[in-house]
Amino acid sequence: MVEGPLLHRLAFAHRKLLFGQKFTATSPTGHFADGAAVIDGLFVSHIEVYGKNFFYFFTRERVGEISVLEKVGDSASSSPLEEAVVVHMHLGMSGSFRTYKCPGPVPREATRLRMYNEELGVEAHLSAMVCDYGT
């Protein structure tokens, strides 16, 4: 079973590798096809862990060094958070969120989300019990 400390280490690694990058998103099994279509071509703008839950924020614009959450309340312009798509993931008992060098392995039967950036040479596969999206 995946425990909290592992999720925090994974989020730390993903922040270093995925933050501020634009990804092509697909759903190899079709179980997250609508969500993958919504985040396809968006930038990873924030990654948060709460308990055993991941929250990945995707925005149309690159946020840069400052996380999307730090721009909340900026009255000079509309916050990227207002337009952000948030993907909520819970790995459950046996889920994983692995990164690979492109091209990665063939997605497994349980892979709900595949994100890749060929220019960057990075691919990520998510197998999770819960994978939802919203604002």
N, C-alpha and C. Protein backbone atom coordinates (compact mmCIF):
# COMPACT_ATOMS: atom_id res chain seq x y z
N MET A 1 0.85 -1.18 0.00
CA MET A 1 0.00 0.00 0.00
C MET A 1 0.90 1.24 0.00
N VAL A 2 0.51 2.20 -0.79
CA VAL A 2 1.26 3.45 -0.88
C VAL A 2 0.97 4.30 0.36
N GLU A 3 2.01 4.78 1.02
CA GLU A 3 1.85 5.59 2.22
C GLU A 3 2.22 7.05 1.95
N GLY A 4 1.83 7.94 2.86
CA GLY A 4 2.04 9.38 2.71
C GLY A 4 3.46 9.81 2.39
N PRO A 5 4.47 9.32 3.13
CA PRO A 5 5.84 9.77 2.84
C PRO A 5 6.28 9.48 1.41
N LEU A 6 5.86 8.34 0.86
CA LEU A 6 6.19 8.03 -0.53
C LEU A 6 5.53 9.03 -1.48
N LEU A 7 4.30 9.41 -1.18
CA LEU A 7 3.60 10.40 -2.03
C LEU A 7 4.32 11.74 -2.00
N HIS A 8 4.80 12.15 -0.83
CA HIS A 8 5.51 13.42 -0.74
C HIS A 8 6.83 13.37 -1.51
N ARG A 9 7.54 12.24 -1.45
CA ARG A 9 8.77 12.10 -2.23
C ARG A 9 8.48 12.12 -3.73
N LEU A 10 7.40 11.45 -4.12
CA LEU A 10 7.01 11.43 -5.52
C LEU A 10 6.61 12.82 -6.00
N ALA A 11 5.85 13.55 -5.19
CA ALA A 11 5.46 14.91 -5.55
C ALA A 11 6.68 15.81 -5.67
N PHE A 12 7.64 15.66 -4.77
CA PHE A 12 8.87 16.45 -4.83
C PHE A 12 9.60 16.19 -6.15
N ALA A 13 9.73 14.93 -6.51
CA ALA A 13 10.40 14.57 -7.76
C ALA A 13 9.63 15.10 -8.96
N HIS A 14 8.30 15.00 -8.93
CA HIS A 14 7.49 15.49 -10.05
C HIS A 14 7.55 17.01 -10.16
N ARG A 15 7.64 17.72 -9.02
CA ARG A 15 7.78 19.18 -9.07
C ARG A 15 9.06 19.56 -9.81
N LYS A 16 10.13 18.85 -9.54
CA LYS A 16 11.40 19.15 -10.20
C LYS A 16 11.36 18.80 -11.68
N LEU A 17 10.67 17.72 -12.04
CA LEU A 17 10.69 17.21 -13.40
C LEU A 17 9.56 17.74 -14.28
N LEU A 18 8.35 17.89 -13.72
CA LEU A 18 7.17 18.20 -14.52
C LEU A 18 6.69 19.64 -14.41
N PHE A 19 7.01 20.33 -13.31
CA PHE A 19 6.50 21.68 -13.08
C PHE A 19 6.87 22.62 -14.22
N GLY A 20 5.91 23.38 -14.69
CA GLY A 20 6.14 24.38 -15.73
C GLY A 20 6.24 23.81 -17.12
N GLN A 21 6.02 22.52 -17.29
CA GLN A 21 6.13 21.89 -18.60
C GLN A 21 4.76 21.60 -19.18
N LYS A 22 4.69 21.61 -20.50
CA LYS A 22 3.46 21.30 -21.22
C LYS A 22 3.51 19.84 -21.66
N PHE A 23 2.39 19.15 -21.51
CA PHE A 23 2.35 17.73 -21.85
C PHE A 23 1.19 17.38 -22.76
N THR A 24 1.43 16.37 -23.58
CA THR A 24 0.36 15.73 -24.33
C THR A 24 -0.21 14.68 -23.39
N ALA A 25 -1.53 14.64 -23.26
CA ALA A 25 -2.16 13.70 -22.34
C ALA A 25 -3.10 12.77 -23.10
N THR A 26 -3.01 11.49 -22.79
CA THR A 26 -3.89 10.49 -23.38
C THR A 26 -4.35 9.55 -22.27
N SER A 27 -5.38 8.78 -22.57
CA SER A 27 -5.86 7.76 -21.64
C SER A 27 -5.81 6.42 -22.36
N PRO A 28 -4.73 5.66 -22.18
CA PRO A 28 -4.57 4.41 -22.92
C PRO A 28 -5.73 3.42 -22.75
N THR A 29 -6.34 3.38 -21.57
CA THR A 29 -7.44 2.45 -21.34
C THR A 29 -8.80 3.09 -21.62
N GLY A 30 -8.83 4.40 -21.77
CA GLY A 30 -10.10 5.10 -22.00
C GLY A 30 -10.84 5.43 -20.72
N HIS A 31 -10.32 5.02 -19.55
CA HIS A 31 -11.00 5.28 -18.28
C HIS A 31 -10.88 6.73 -17.82
N PHE A 32 -9.99 7.49 -18.44
CA PHE A 32 -9.83 8.91 -18.10
C PHE A 32 -9.76 9.74 -19.38
N ALA A 33 -10.47 9.30 -20.41
CA ALA A 33 -10.41 9.94 -21.73
C ALA A 33 -10.86 11.39 -21.69
N ASP A 34 -11.96 11.69 -20.99
CA ASP A 34 -12.45 13.08 -20.93
C ASP A 34 -11.45 13.97 -20.21
N GLY A 35 -10.92 13.50 -19.09
CA GLY A 35 -9.95 14.28 -18.33
C GLY A 35 -8.67 14.50 -19.12
N ALA A 36 -8.18 13.47 -19.79
CA ALA A 36 -6.96 13.59 -20.59
C ALA A 36 -7.16 14.61 -21.71
N ALA A 37 -8.34 14.62 -22.32
CA ALA A 37 -8.63 15.58 -23.38
C ALA A 37 -8.62 17.01 -22.84
N VAL A 38 -9.10 17.20 -21.62
CA VAL A 38 -9.16 18.54 -21.03
C VAL A 38 -7.76 19.07 -20.70
N ILE A 39 -6.87 18.22 -20.18
CA ILE A 39 -5.54 18.69 -19.78
C ILE A 39 -4.50 18.59 -20.90
N ASP A 40 -4.87 17.99 -22.02
CA ASP A 40 -3.93 17.84 -23.14
C ASP A 40 -3.42 19.20 -23.59
N GLY A 41 -2.11 19.36 -23.63
CA GLY A 41 -1.50 20.61 -24.08
C GLY A 41 -1.41 21.70 -23.03
N LEU A 42 -1.78 21.39 -21.78
CA LEU A 42 -1.70 22.38 -20.71
C LEU A 42 -0.39 22.22 -19.93
N PHE A 43 -0.06 23.25 -19.16
CA PHE A 43 1.15 23.26 -18.34
C PHE A 43 0.85 22.74 -16.94
N VAL A 44 1.78 21.97 -16.37
CA VAL A 44 1.68 21.57 -14.96
C VAL A 44 2.10 22.79 -14.16
N SER A 45 1.16 23.34 -13.38
CA SER A 45 1.40 24.60 -12.67
C SER A 45 1.52 24.46 -11.17
N HIS A 46 1.08 23.35 -10.62
CA HIS A 46 1.19 23.14 -9.17
C HIS A 46 0.94 21.68 -8.88
N ILE A 47 1.63 21.15 -7.90
CA ILE A 47 1.45 19.77 -7.45
C ILE A 47 1.33 19.81 -5.93
N GLU A 48 0.25 19.23 -5.43
CA GLU A 48 -0.02 19.26 -3.99
C GLU A 48 -0.37 17.85 -3.52
N VAL A 49 0.06 17.53 -2.30
CA VAL A 49 -0.30 16.25 -1.67
C VAL A 49 -1.07 16.57 -0.40
N TYR A 50 -2.19 15.90 -0.22
CA TYR A 50 -2.96 16.04 1.01
C TYR A 50 -3.35 14.63 1.44
N GLY A 51 -2.79 14.18 2.54
CA GLY A 51 -3.02 12.80 2.97
C GLY A 51 -2.45 11.85 1.92
N LYS A 52 -3.29 11.02 1.37
CA LYS A 52 -2.88 10.09 0.32
C LYS A 52 -3.43 10.52 -1.04
N ASN A 53 -3.73 11.79 -1.16
CA ASN A 53 -4.29 12.33 -2.40
C ASN A 53 -3.31 13.28 -3.08
N PHE A 54 -3.20 13.15 -4.38
CA PHE A 54 -2.43 14.07 -5.22
C PHE A 54 -3.40 15.04 -5.86
N PHE A 55 -2.96 16.28 -6.02
CA PHE A 55 -3.71 17.27 -6.78
C PHE A 55 -2.73 17.93 -7.75
N TYR A 56 -2.94 17.75 -9.03
CA TYR A 56 -2.10 18.36 -10.07
C TYR A 56 -2.93 19.45 -10.72
N PHE A 57 -2.38 20.67 -10.77
CA PHE A 57 -3.05 21.82 -11.36
C PHE A 57 -2.47 22.05 -12.75
N PHE A 58 -3.34 22.20 -13.73
CA PHE A 58 -2.94 22.44 -15.12
C PHE A 58 -3.52 23.77 -15.58
N THR A 59 -2.71 24.60 -16.24
CA THR A 59 -3.17 25.90 -16.74
C THR A 59 -2.74 26.09 -18.20
N ARG A 60 -3.43 27.01 -18.86
CA ARG A 60 -3.11 27.31 -20.27
C ARG A 60 -1.79 28.04 -20.41
N GLU A 61 -1.46 28.85 -19.41
CA GLU A 61 -0.22 29.63 -19.45
C GLU A 61 0.80 29.04 -18.50
N ARG A 62 2.05 29.18 -18.86
CA ARG A 62 3.13 28.76 -17.97
C ARG A 62 3.16 29.72 -16.79
N VAL A 63 3.17 29.22 -15.59
CA VAL A 63 3.15 30.04 -14.39
C VAL A 63 4.55 30.52 -14.04
N GLY A 64 5.57 29.75 -14.36
CA GLY A 64 6.94 30.15 -14.07
C GLY A 64 7.35 29.71 -12.68
N GLU A 65 8.23 30.49 -12.08
CA GLU A 65 8.80 30.13 -10.78
C GLU A 65 7.76 30.13 -9.66
N ILE A 66 6.74 30.96 -9.79
CA ILE A 66 5.73 31.09 -8.74
C ILE A 66 4.61 30.10 -8.99
N SER A 67 4.27 29.33 -8.01
CA SER A 67 3.19 28.36 -8.11
C SER A 67 1.87 29.07 -8.36
N VAL A 68 0.96 28.37 -9.02
CA VAL A 68 -0.35 28.93 -9.33
C VAL A 68 -1.10 29.34 -8.06
N LEU A 69 -0.91 28.62 -6.96
CA LEU A 69 -1.62 28.96 -5.73
C LEU A 69 -1.11 30.26 -5.12
N GLU A 70 0.15 30.61 -5.38
CA GLU A 70 0.70 31.84 -4.83
C GLU A 70 0.17 33.07 -5.55
N LYS A 71 -0.48 32.87 -6.69
CA LYS A 71 -1.03 34.00 -7.44
C LYS A 71 -2.49 34.28 -7.07
N VAL A 72 -3.07 33.46 -6.21
CA VAL A 72 -4.45 33.68 -5.78
C VAL A 72 -4.54 35.03 -5.08
N GLY A 73 -5.57 35.77 -5.40
CA GLY A 73 -5.77 37.06 -4.76
C GLY A 73 -5.04 38.20 -5.45
N ASP A 74 -4.37 37.91 -6.55
CA ASP A 74 -3.70 38.95 -7.32
C ASP A 74 -4.77 39.76 -8.04
N SER A 75 -5.07 40.94 -7.54
CA SER A 75 -6.17 41.74 -8.09
C SER A 75 -5.79 42.41 -9.41
N ALA A 76 -4.52 42.42 -9.77
CA ALA A 76 -4.09 43.07 -11.01
C ALA A 76 -4.60 42.32 -12.23
N SER A 77 -4.76 41.03 -12.12
CA SER A 77 -5.27 40.24 -13.24
C SER A 77 -6.01 39.04 -12.69
N SER A 78 -6.74 38.37 -13.58
CA SER A 78 -7.44 37.18 -13.11
C SER A 78 -6.41 36.11 -12.78
N SER A 79 -6.66 35.38 -11.74
CA SER A 79 -5.74 34.35 -11.27
C SER A 79 -5.76 33.15 -12.22
N PRO A 80 -4.59 32.58 -12.52
CA PRO A 80 -4.59 31.35 -13.32
C PRO A 80 -5.38 30.23 -12.65
N LEU A 81 -5.50 30.30 -11.31
CA LEU A 81 -6.23 29.27 -10.59
C LEU A 81 -7.70 29.24 -10.99
N GLU A 82 -8.25 30.40 -11.33
CA GLU A 82 -9.65 30.45 -11.72
C GLU A 82 -9.92 29.63 -12.96
N GLU A 83 -8.92 29.49 -13.81
CA GLU A 83 -9.07 28.73 -15.04
C GLU A 83 -8.34 27.40 -14.99
N ALA A 84 -7.74 27.06 -13.85
CA ALA A 84 -6.96 25.83 -13.74
C ALA A 84 -7.87 24.60 -13.75
N VAL A 85 -7.34 23.55 -14.32
CA VAL A 85 -7.99 22.24 -14.24
C VAL A 85 -7.21 21.47 -13.19
N VAL A 86 -7.92 20.93 -12.22
CA VAL A 86 -7.28 20.19 -11.14
C VAL A 86 -7.58 18.70 -11.34
N VAL A 87 -6.54 17.90 -11.36
CA VAL A 87 -6.70 16.45 -11.44
C VAL A 87 -6.42 15.88 -10.06
N HIS A 88 -7.42 15.21 -9.51
CA HIS A 88 -7.33 14.58 -8.19
C HIS A 88 -7.04 13.10 -8.40
N MET A 89 -5.98 12.60 -7.74
CA MET A 89 -5.59 11.21 -7.88
C MET A 89 -5.40 10.58 -6.50
N HIS A 90 -5.84 9.36 -6.39
CA HIS A 90 -5.59 8.56 -5.19
C HIS A 90 -5.13 7.20 -5.70
N LEU A 91 -3.91 6.80 -5.32
CA LEU A 91 -3.33 5.59 -5.88
C LEU A 91 -3.96 4.30 -5.37
N GLY A 92 -4.66 4.38 -4.26
CA GLY A 92 -5.29 3.18 -3.73
C GLY A 92 -4.26 2.19 -3.20
N MET A 93 -4.56 0.92 -3.26
CA MET A 93 -3.70 -0.12 -2.70
C MET A 93 -2.47 -0.41 -3.57
N SER A 94 -2.60 -0.28 -4.88
CA SER A 94 -1.50 -0.72 -5.74
C SER A 94 -1.22 0.22 -6.91
N GLY A 95 -1.67 1.46 -6.81
CA GLY A 95 -1.45 2.40 -7.90
C GLY A 95 -0.02 2.89 -7.98
N SER A 96 0.29 3.58 -9.07
CA SER A 96 1.62 4.15 -9.24
C SER A 96 1.54 5.34 -10.18
N PHE A 97 2.54 6.20 -10.10
CA PHE A 97 2.67 7.35 -11.00
C PHE A 97 4.15 7.43 -11.33
N ARG A 98 4.54 6.74 -12.38
CA ARG A 98 5.95 6.58 -12.73
C ARG A 98 6.35 7.47 -13.90
N THR A 99 7.59 7.91 -13.86
CA THR A 99 8.13 8.69 -14.97
C THR A 99 9.22 7.87 -15.67
N TYR A 100 9.33 8.11 -16.98
CA TYR A 100 10.29 7.39 -17.81
C TYR A 100 10.90 8.36 -18.80
N LYS A 101 12.01 7.93 -19.39
CA LYS A 101 12.55 8.64 -20.53
C LYS A 101 11.74 8.22 -21.75
N CYS A 102 11.49 9.17 -22.66
CA CYS A 102 10.76 8.85 -23.89
C CYS A 102 11.64 8.03 -24.81
N PRO A 103 11.11 7.07 -25.50
CA PRO A 103 9.74 6.57 -25.32
C PRO A 103 9.66 5.64 -24.12
N GLY A 104 8.60 5.77 -23.39
CA GLY A 104 8.40 4.92 -22.21
C GLY A 104 7.91 3.54 -22.62
N PRO A 105 7.69 2.68 -21.64
CA PRO A 105 7.17 1.34 -21.95
C PRO A 105 5.72 1.42 -22.43
N VAL A 106 5.27 0.33 -22.97
CA VAL A 106 3.86 0.23 -23.37
C VAL A 106 3.03 0.36 -22.10
N PRO A 107 2.00 1.24 -22.11
CA PRO A 107 1.17 1.39 -20.90
C PRO A 107 0.53 0.06 -20.49
N ARG A 108 0.43 -0.13 -19.19
CA ARG A 108 -0.19 -1.35 -18.65
C ARG A 108 -1.71 -1.26 -18.76
N GLU A 109 -2.38 -2.34 -18.46
CA GLU A 109 -3.84 -2.39 -18.50
C GLU A 109 -4.48 -1.41 -17.52
N ALA A 110 -3.80 -1.11 -16.43
CA ALA A 110 -4.34 -0.23 -15.40
C ALA A 110 -3.98 1.24 -15.60
N THR A 111 -3.23 1.57 -16.65
CA THR A 111 -2.78 2.95 -16.86
C THR A 111 -3.96 3.82 -17.30
N ARG A 112 -4.35 4.75 -16.44
CA ARG A 112 -5.45 5.65 -16.75
C ARG A 112 -5.00 6.89 -17.51
N LEU A 113 -3.79 7.36 -17.20
CA LEU A 113 -3.30 8.60 -17.80
C LEU A 113 -1.85 8.43 -18.24
N ARG A 114 -1.59 8.86 -19.47
CA ARG A 114 -0.22 8.91 -19.99
C ARG A 114 0.04 10.35 -20.39
N MET A 115 1.08 10.95 -19.83
CA MET A 115 1.48 12.31 -20.18
C MET A 115 2.89 12.22 -20.74
N TYR A 116 3.12 12.93 -21.86
CA TYR A 116 4.47 12.90 -22.40
C TYR A 116 4.82 14.23 -23.07
N ASN A 117 6.12 14.49 -23.08
CA ASN A 117 6.69 15.66 -23.73
C ASN A 117 7.95 15.15 -24.42
N GLU A 118 7.85 14.91 -25.72
CA GLU A 118 8.98 14.33 -26.47
C GLU A 118 10.18 15.27 -26.50
N GLU A 119 9.92 16.58 -26.57
CA GLU A 119 11.00 17.56 -26.59
C GLU A 119 11.82 17.49 -25.30
N LEU A 120 11.13 17.35 -24.19
CA LEU A 120 11.77 17.23 -22.88
C LEU A 120 12.31 15.81 -22.67
N GLY A 121 11.72 14.84 -23.37
CA GLY A 121 12.15 13.45 -23.24
C GLY A 121 11.60 12.77 -22.01
N VAL A 122 10.39 13.18 -21.57
CA VAL A 122 9.80 12.64 -20.34
C VAL A 122 8.40 12.10 -20.64
N GLU A 123 8.11 10.98 -20.00
CA GLU A 123 6.79 10.37 -20.10
C GLU A 123 6.38 9.93 -18.70
N ALA A 124 5.10 10.07 -18.36
CA ALA A 124 4.59 9.67 -17.04
C ALA A 124 3.34 8.81 -17.23
N HIS A 125 3.26 7.73 -16.47
CA HIS A 125 2.10 6.83 -16.51
C HIS A 125 1.46 6.79 -15.13
N LEU A 126 0.16 7.00 -15.09
CA LEU A 126 -0.59 6.98 -13.84
C LEU A 126 -1.53 5.78 -13.82
N SER A 127 -1.42 4.98 -12.79
CA SER A 127 -2.38 3.93 -12.49
C SER A 127 -2.93 4.29 -11.11
N ALA A 128 -4.22 4.55 -11.03
CA ALA A 128 -4.79 5.03 -9.77
C ALA A 128 -6.20 4.49 -9.58
N MET A 129 -6.56 4.37 -8.31
CA MET A 129 -7.92 3.96 -7.97
C MET A 129 -8.90 5.09 -8.29
N VAL A 130 -8.50 6.33 -7.96
CA VAL A 130 -9.32 7.51 -8.22
C VAL A 130 -8.55 8.44 -9.14
N CYS A 131 -9.21 8.90 -10.17
CA CYS A 131 -8.62 9.88 -11.09
C CYS A 131 -9.79 10.71 -11.61
N ASP A 132 -9.97 11.90 -11.04
CA ASP A 132 -11.05 12.81 -11.41
C ASP A 132 -10.47 14.17 -11.77
N TYR A 133 -11.27 14.98 -12.41
CA TYR A 133 -10.81 16.33 -12.74
C TYR A 133 -11.95 17.32 -12.54
N GLY A 134 -11.57 18.58 -12.37
CA GLY A 134 -12.54 19.65 -12.20
C GLY A 134 -11.82 20.96 -12.03
N THR A 135 -12.56 21.99 -11.58
CA THR A 135 -11.92 23.30 -11.39
C THR A 135 -11.64 23.51 -9.92
